[in-house]
Amino acid sequence: MPAWFRFLLPVLIGATLGAALGYYGQCSSGTCPLTSTWWRGALYGAVLGLLIATGQRSNSPT
């Protein structure tokens, strides 16, 4: 598996799960930062996926 794919996969998974959470768990007042809109949930999920991918990359043997 290419290195860029192993790095990008958690980001894509996080963005997908965050978008689903934002779409189905919408906050009626709009004050919930994670679930106020689907695109904001996708952004938060992508950032969390990026943090996970970065952590995995630093811990993996070379």
PDB file of N, CA and C in Angstrom:
ATOM      1  N   MET A   1       0.847  -1.161   0.000  1.00  0.00           N
ATOM      2  CA  MET A   1       0.000   0.000   0.000  1.00  0.00           C
ATOM      3  C   MET A   1       0.906   1.241   0.000  1.00  0.00           C
ATOM      4  N   PRO A   2       0.643   2.198  -0.880  1.00  0.00           N
ATOM      5  CA  PRO A   2       1.479   3.404  -0.929  1.00  0.00           C
ATOM      6  C   PRO A   2       1.377   4.218   0.355  1.00  0.00           C
ATOM      7  N   ALA A   3       2.440   4.946   0.661  1.00  0.00           N
ATOM      8  CA  ALA A   3       2.490   5.727   1.895  1.00  0.00           C
ATOM      9  C   ALA A   3       1.435   6.835   1.901  1.00  0.00           C
ATOM     10  N   TRP A   4       1.186   7.454   0.759  1.00  0.00           N
ATOM     11  CA  TRP A   4       0.203   8.538   0.715  1.00  0.00           C
ATOM     12  C   TRP A   4      -1.199   8.012   0.972  1.00  0.00           C
ATOM     13  N   PHE A   5      -1.466   6.777   0.582  1.00  0.00           N
ATOM     14  CA  PHE A   5      -2.787   6.191   0.807  1.00  0.00           C
ATOM     15  C   PHE A   5      -2.999   5.886   2.285  1.00  0.00           C
ATOM     16  N   ARG A   6      -1.955   5.381   2.944  1.00  0.00           N
ATOM     17  CA  ARG A   6      -2.068   5.107   4.376  1.00  0.00           C
ATOM     18  C   ARG A   6      -2.236   6.389   5.168  1.00  0.00           C
ATOM     19  N   PHE A   7      -1.719   7.490   4.648  1.00  0.00           N
ATOM     20  CA  PHE A   7      -1.866   8.779   5.311  1.00  0.00           C
ATOM     21  C   PHE A   7      -3.233   9.397   5.029  1.00  0.00           C
ATOM     22  N   LEU A   8      -3.728   9.231   3.809  1.00  0.00           N
ATOM     23  CA  LEU A   8      -4.976   9.866   3.386  1.00  0.00           C
ATOM     24  C   LEU A   8      -6.214   9.095   3.840  1.00  0.00           C
ATOM     25  N   LEU A   9      -6.100   7.795   4.019  1.00  0.00           N
ATOM     26  CA  LEU A   9      -7.260   6.976   4.377  1.00  0.00           C
ATOM     27  C   LEU A   9      -7.912   7.398   5.695  1.00  0.00           C
ATOM     28  N   PRO A  10      -7.173   7.611   6.795  1.00  0.00           N
ATOM     29  CA  PRO A  10      -7.843   8.071   8.027  1.00  0.00           C
ATOM     30  C   PRO A  10      -8.491   9.443   7.878  1.00  0.00           C
ATOM     31  N   VAL A  11      -7.911  10.299   7.055  1.00  0.00           N
ATOM     32  CA  VAL A  11      -8.492  11.621   6.830  1.00  0.00           C
ATOM     33  C   VAL A  11      -9.832  11.485   6.108  1.00  0.00           C
ATOM     34  N   LEU A  12      -9.884  10.646   5.097  1.00  0.00           N
ATOM     35  CA  LEU A  12     -11.132  10.439   4.352  1.00  0.00           C
ATOM     36  C   LEU A  12     -12.193   9.762   5.213  1.00  0.00           C
ATOM     37  N   ILE A  13     -11.786   8.795   6.002  1.00  0.00           N
ATOM     38  CA  ILE A  13     -12.739   8.122   6.887  1.00  0.00           C
ATOM     39  C   ILE A  13     -13.285   9.104   7.925  1.00  0.00           C
ATOM     40  N   GLY A  14     -12.406   9.921   8.501  1.00  0.00           N
ATOM     41  CA  GLY A  14     -12.837  10.914   9.481  1.00  0.00           C
ATOM     42  C   GLY A  14     -13.784  11.937   8.876  1.00  0.00           C
ATOM     43  N   ALA A  15     -13.479  12.384   7.656  1.00  0.00           N
ATOM     44  CA  ALA A  15     -14.349  13.353   6.998  1.00  0.00           C
ATOM     45  C   ALA A  15     -15.714  12.743   6.693  1.00  0.00           C
ATOM     46  N   THR A  16     -15.742  11.500   6.273  1.00  0.00           N
ATOM     47  CA  THR A  16     -17.004  10.831   5.966  1.00  0.00           C
ATOM     48  C   THR A  16     -17.850  10.640   7.223  1.00  0.00           C
ATOM     49  N   LEU A  17     -17.227  10.163   8.286  1.00  0.00           N
ATOM     50  CA  LEU A  17     -17.974   9.965   9.532  1.00  0.00           C
ATOM     51  C   LEU A  17     -18.427  11.296  10.126  1.00  0.00           C
ATOM     52  N   GLY A  18     -17.582  12.310  10.041  1.00  0.00           N
ATOM     53  CA  GLY A  18     -17.964  13.622  10.546  1.00  0.00           C
ATOM     54  C   GLY A  18     -19.108  14.230   9.760  1.00  0.00           C
ATOM     55  N   ALA A  19     -19.097  14.055   8.434  1.00  0.00           N
ATOM     56  CA  ALA A  19     -20.187  14.566   7.605  1.00  0.00           C
ATOM     57  C   ALA A  19     -21.495  13.844   7.924  1.00  0.00           C
ATOM     58  N   ALA A  20     -21.420  12.535   8.129  1.00  0.00           N
ATOM     59  CA  ALA A  20     -22.623  11.781   8.487  1.00  0.00           C
ATOM     60  C   ALA A  20     -23.159  12.226   9.841  1.00  0.00           C
ATOM     61  N   LEU A  21     -22.255  12.438  10.793  1.00  0.00           N
ATOM     62  CA  LEU A  21     -22.687  12.906  12.105  1.00  0.00           C
ATOM     63  C   LEU A  21     -23.307  14.293  12.015  1.00  0.00           C
ATOM     64  N   GLY A  22     -22.712  15.156  11.217  1.00  0.00           N
ATOM     65  CA  GLY A  22     -23.263  16.505  11.055  1.00  0.00           C
ATOM     66  C   GLY A  22     -24.590  16.513  10.326  1.00  0.00           C
ATOM     67  N   TYR A  23     -24.769  15.585   9.384  1.00  0.00           N
ATOM     68  CA  TYR A  23     -26.013  15.544   8.613  1.00  0.00           C
ATOM     69  C   TYR A  23     -27.161  14.966   9.436  1.00  0.00           C
ATOM     70  N   TYR A  24     -26.903  13.859  10.113  1.00  0.00           N
ATOM     71  CA  TYR A  24     -27.975  13.189  10.848  1.00  0.00           C
ATOM     72  C   TYR A  24     -28.165  13.710  12.266  1.00  0.00           C
ATOM     73  N   GLY A  25     -27.164  14.348  12.835  1.00  0.00           N
ATOM     74  CA  GLY A  25     -27.273  14.825  14.212  1.00  0.00           C
ATOM     75  C   GLY A  25     -27.299  16.330  14.276  1.00  0.00           C
ATOM     76  N   GLN A  26     -28.032  16.966  13.378  1.00  0.00           N
ATOM     77  CA  GLN A  26     -28.021  18.422  13.321  1.00  0.00           C
ATOM     78  C   GLN A  26     -28.564  19.028  14.599  1.00  0.00           C
ATOM     79  N   CYS A  27     -27.907  20.066  15.013  1.00  0.00           N
ATOM     80  CA  CYS A  27     -28.288  20.819  16.210  1.00  0.00           C
ATOM     81  C   CYS A  27     -29.306  21.880  15.784  1.00  0.00           C
ATOM     82  N   SER A  28     -30.407  21.990  16.480  1.00  0.00           N
ATOM     83  CA  SER A  28     -31.454  22.928  16.067  1.00  0.00           C
ATOM     84  C   SER A  28     -31.060  24.388  16.286  1.00  0.00           C
ATOM     85  N   SER A  29     -30.213  24.655  17.275  1.00  0.00           N
ATOM     86  CA  SER A  29     -29.830  26.043  17.544  1.00  0.00           C
ATOM     87  C   SER A  29     -28.621  26.492  16.734  1.00  0.00           C
ATOM     88  N   GLY A  30     -27.847  25.551  16.217  1.00  0.00           N
ATOM     89  CA  GLY A  30     -26.660  25.897  15.447  1.00  0.00           C
ATOM     90  C   GLY A  30     -25.449  26.210  16.302  1.00  0.00           C
ATOM     91  N   THR A  31     -25.533  25.989  17.607  1.00  0.00           N
ATOM     92  CA  THR A  31     -24.419  26.297  18.487  1.00  0.00           C
ATOM     93  C   THR A  31     -23.486  25.116  18.710  1.00  0.00           C
ATOM     94  N   CYS A  32     -23.852  23.955  18.249  1.00  0.00           N
ATOM     95  CA  CYS A  32     -23.001  22.774  18.396  1.00  0.00           C
ATOM     96  C   CYS A  32     -21.966  22.792  17.267  1.00  0.00           C
ATOM     97  N   PRO A  33     -20.689  22.971  17.554  1.00  0.00           N
ATOM     98  CA  PRO A  33     -19.720  23.130  16.473  1.00  0.00           C
ATOM     99  C   PRO A  33     -19.552  21.876  15.618  1.00  0.00           C
ATOM    100  N   LEU A  34     -19.688  20.707  16.208  1.00  0.00           N
ATOM    101  CA  LEU A  34     -19.464  19.490  15.436  1.00  0.00           C
ATOM    102  C   LEU A  34     -20.673  19.117  14.596  1.00  0.00           C
ATOM    103  N   THR A  35     -21.866  19.315  15.096  1.00  0.00           N
ATOM    104  CA  THR A  35     -23.046  18.807  14.398  1.00  0.00           C
ATOM    105  C   THR A  35     -23.946  19.903  13.846  1.00  0.00           C
ATOM    106  N   SER A  36     -23.453  21.124  13.716  1.00  0.00           N
ATOM    107  CA  SER A  36     -24.331  22.182  13.222  1.00  0.00           C
ATOM    108  C   SER A  36     -24.615  22.026  11.727  1.00  0.00           C
ATOM    109  N   THR A  37     -23.634  21.643  10.934  1.00  0.00           N
ATOM    110  CA  THR A  37     -23.838  21.391   9.503  1.00  0.00           C
ATOM    111  C   THR A  37     -23.016  20.178   9.100  1.00  0.00           C
ATOM    112  N   TRP A  38     -23.344  19.615   7.948  1.00  0.00           N
ATOM    113  CA  TRP A  38     -22.612  18.426   7.494  1.00  0.00           C
ATOM    114  C   TRP A  38     -21.181  18.775   7.107  1.00  0.00           C
ATOM    115  N   TRP A  39     -20.975  19.946   6.518  1.00  0.00           N
ATOM    116  CA  TRP A  39     -19.615  20.278   6.072  1.00  0.00           C
ATOM    117  C   TRP A  39     -18.708  20.622   7.246  1.00  0.00           C
ATOM    118  N   ARG A  40     -19.275  21.183   8.314  1.00  0.00           N
ATOM    119  CA  ARG A  40     -18.469  21.448   9.503  1.00  0.00           C
ATOM    120  C   ARG A  40     -18.103  20.142  10.194  1.00  0.00           C
ATOM    121  N   GLY A  41     -19.032  19.192  10.225  1.00  0.00           N
ATOM    122  CA  GLY A  41     -18.713  17.874  10.765  1.00  0.00           C
ATOM    123  C   GLY A  41     -17.637  17.182   9.947  1.00  0.00           C
ATOM    124  N   ALA A  42     -17.690  17.340   8.629  1.00  0.00           N
ATOM    125  CA  ALA A  42     -16.661  16.753   7.767  1.00  0.00           C
ATOM    126  C   ALA A  42     -15.304  17.390   8.033  1.00  0.00           C
ATOM    127  N   LEU A  43     -15.283  18.689   8.261  1.00  0.00           N
ATOM    128  CA  LEU A  43     -14.026  19.380   8.547  1.00  0.00           C
ATOM    129  C   LEU A  43     -13.435  18.911   9.870  1.00  0.00           C
ATOM    130  N   TYR A  44     -14.253  18.835  10.910  1.00  0.00           N
ATOM    131  CA  TYR A  44     -13.765  18.339  12.197  1.00  0.00           C
ATOM    132  C   TYR A  44     -13.296  16.887  12.083  1.00  0.00           C
ATOM    133  N   GLY A  45     -14.041  16.067  11.359  1.00  0.00           N
ATOM    134  CA  GLY A  45     -13.646  14.672  11.185  1.00  0.00           C
ATOM    135  C   GLY A  45     -12.340  14.533  10.422  1.00  0.00           C
ATOM    136  N   ALA A  46     -12.145  15.369   9.409  1.00  0.00           N
ATOM    137  CA  ALA A  46     -10.909  15.321   8.637  1.00  0.00           C
ATOM    138  C   ALA A  46      -9.711  15.733   9.494  1.00  0.00           C
ATOM    139  N   VAL A  47      -9.902  16.734  10.340  1.00  0.00           N
ATOM    140  CA  VAL A  47      -8.811  17.155  11.227  1.00  0.00           C
ATOM    141  C   VAL A  47      -8.473  16.051  12.221  1.00  0.00           C
ATOM    142  N   LEU A  48      -9.479  15.404  12.777  1.00  0.00           N
ATOM    143  CA  LEU A  48      -9.217  14.291  13.696  1.00  0.00           C
ATOM    144  C   LEU A  48      -8.541  13.130  12.970  1.00  0.00           C
ATOM    145  N   GLY A  49      -8.979  12.850  11.739  1.00  0.00           N
ATOM    146  CA  GLY A  49      -8.326  11.811  10.947  1.00  0.00           C
ATOM    147  C   GLY A  49      -6.879  12.163  10.638  1.00  0.00           C
ATOM    148  N   LEU A  50      -6.613  13.446  10.384  1.00  0.00           N
ATOM    149  CA  LEU A  50      -5.247  13.894  10.138  1.00  0.00           C
ATOM    150  C   LEU A  50      -4.376  13.695  11.374  1.00  0.00           C
ATOM    151  N   LEU A  51      -4.924  13.994  12.545  1.00  0.00           N
ATOM    152  CA  LEU A  51      -4.174  13.775  13.783  1.00  0.00           C
ATOM    153  C   LEU A  51      -3.883  12.289  14.003  1.00  0.00           C
ATOM    154  N   ILE A  52      -4.842  11.449  13.705  1.00  0.00           N
ATOM    155  CA  ILE A  52      -4.639  10.004  13.840  1.00  0.00           C
ATOM    156  C   ILE A  52      -3.602   9.523  12.844  1.00  0.00           C
ATOM    157  N   ALA A  53      -3.691  10.003  11.600  1.00  0.00           N
ATOM    158  CA  ALA A  53      -2.731   9.584  10.574  1.00  0.00           C
ATOM    159  C   ALA A  53      -1.316  10.045  10.927  1.00  0.00           C
ATOM    160  N   THR A  54      -1.191  11.226  11.479  1.00  0.00           N
ATOM    161  CA  THR A  54       0.119  11.743  11.867  1.00  0.00           C
ATOM    162  C   THR A  54       0.684  10.923  13.030  1.00  0.00           C
ATOM    163  N   GLY A  55      -0.177  10.578  13.972  1.00  0.00           N
ATOM    164  CA  GLY A  55       0.276   9.755  15.088  1.00  0.00           C
ATOM    165  C   GLY A  55       0.691   8.364  14.656  1.00  0.00           C
ATOM    166  N   GLN A  56      -0.029   7.767  13.737  1.00  0.00           N
ATOM    167  CA  GLN A  56       0.332   6.452  13.229  1.00  0.00           C
ATOM    168  C   GLN A  56       1.635   6.508  12.443  1.00  0.00           C
ATOM    169  N   ARG A  57       1.824   7.577  11.733  1.00  0.00           N
ATOM    170  CA  ARG A  57       3.015   7.700  10.907  1.00  0.00           C
ATOM    171  C   ARG A  57       4.265   7.827  11.774  1.00  0.00           C
ATOM    172  N   SER A  58       4.165   8.538  12.887  1.00  0.00           N
ATOM    173  CA  SER A  58       5.336   8.724  13.737  1.00  0.00           C
ATOM    174  C   SER A  58       5.647   7.460  14.541  1.00  0.00           C
ATOM    175  N   ASN A  59       4.664   6.621  14.778  1.00  0.00           N
ATOM    176  CA  ASN A  59       4.876   5.405  15.558  1.00  0.00           C
ATOM    177  C   ASN A  59       5.218   4.180  14.706  1.00  0.00           C
ATOM    178  N   SER A  60       5.056   4.278  13.395  1.00  0.00           N
ATOM    179  CA  SER A  60       5.304   3.110  12.548  1.00  0.00           C
ATOM    180  C   SER A  60       6.792   2.955  12.298  1.00  0.00           C
ATOM    181  N   PRO A  61       7.293   1.720  12.286  1.00  0.00           N
ATOM    182  CA  PRO A  61       8.719   1.508  12.017  1.00  0.00           C
ATOM    183  C   PRO A  61       9.053   1.837  10.565  1.00  0.00           C
ATOM    184  N   THR A  62      10.221   2.302  10.327  1.00  0.00           N
ATOM    185  CA  THR A  62      10.637   2.703   8.997  1.00  0.00           C
ATOM    186  C   THR A  62      11.150   1.547   8.190  1.00  0.00           C
TER     187      THR A  62
END
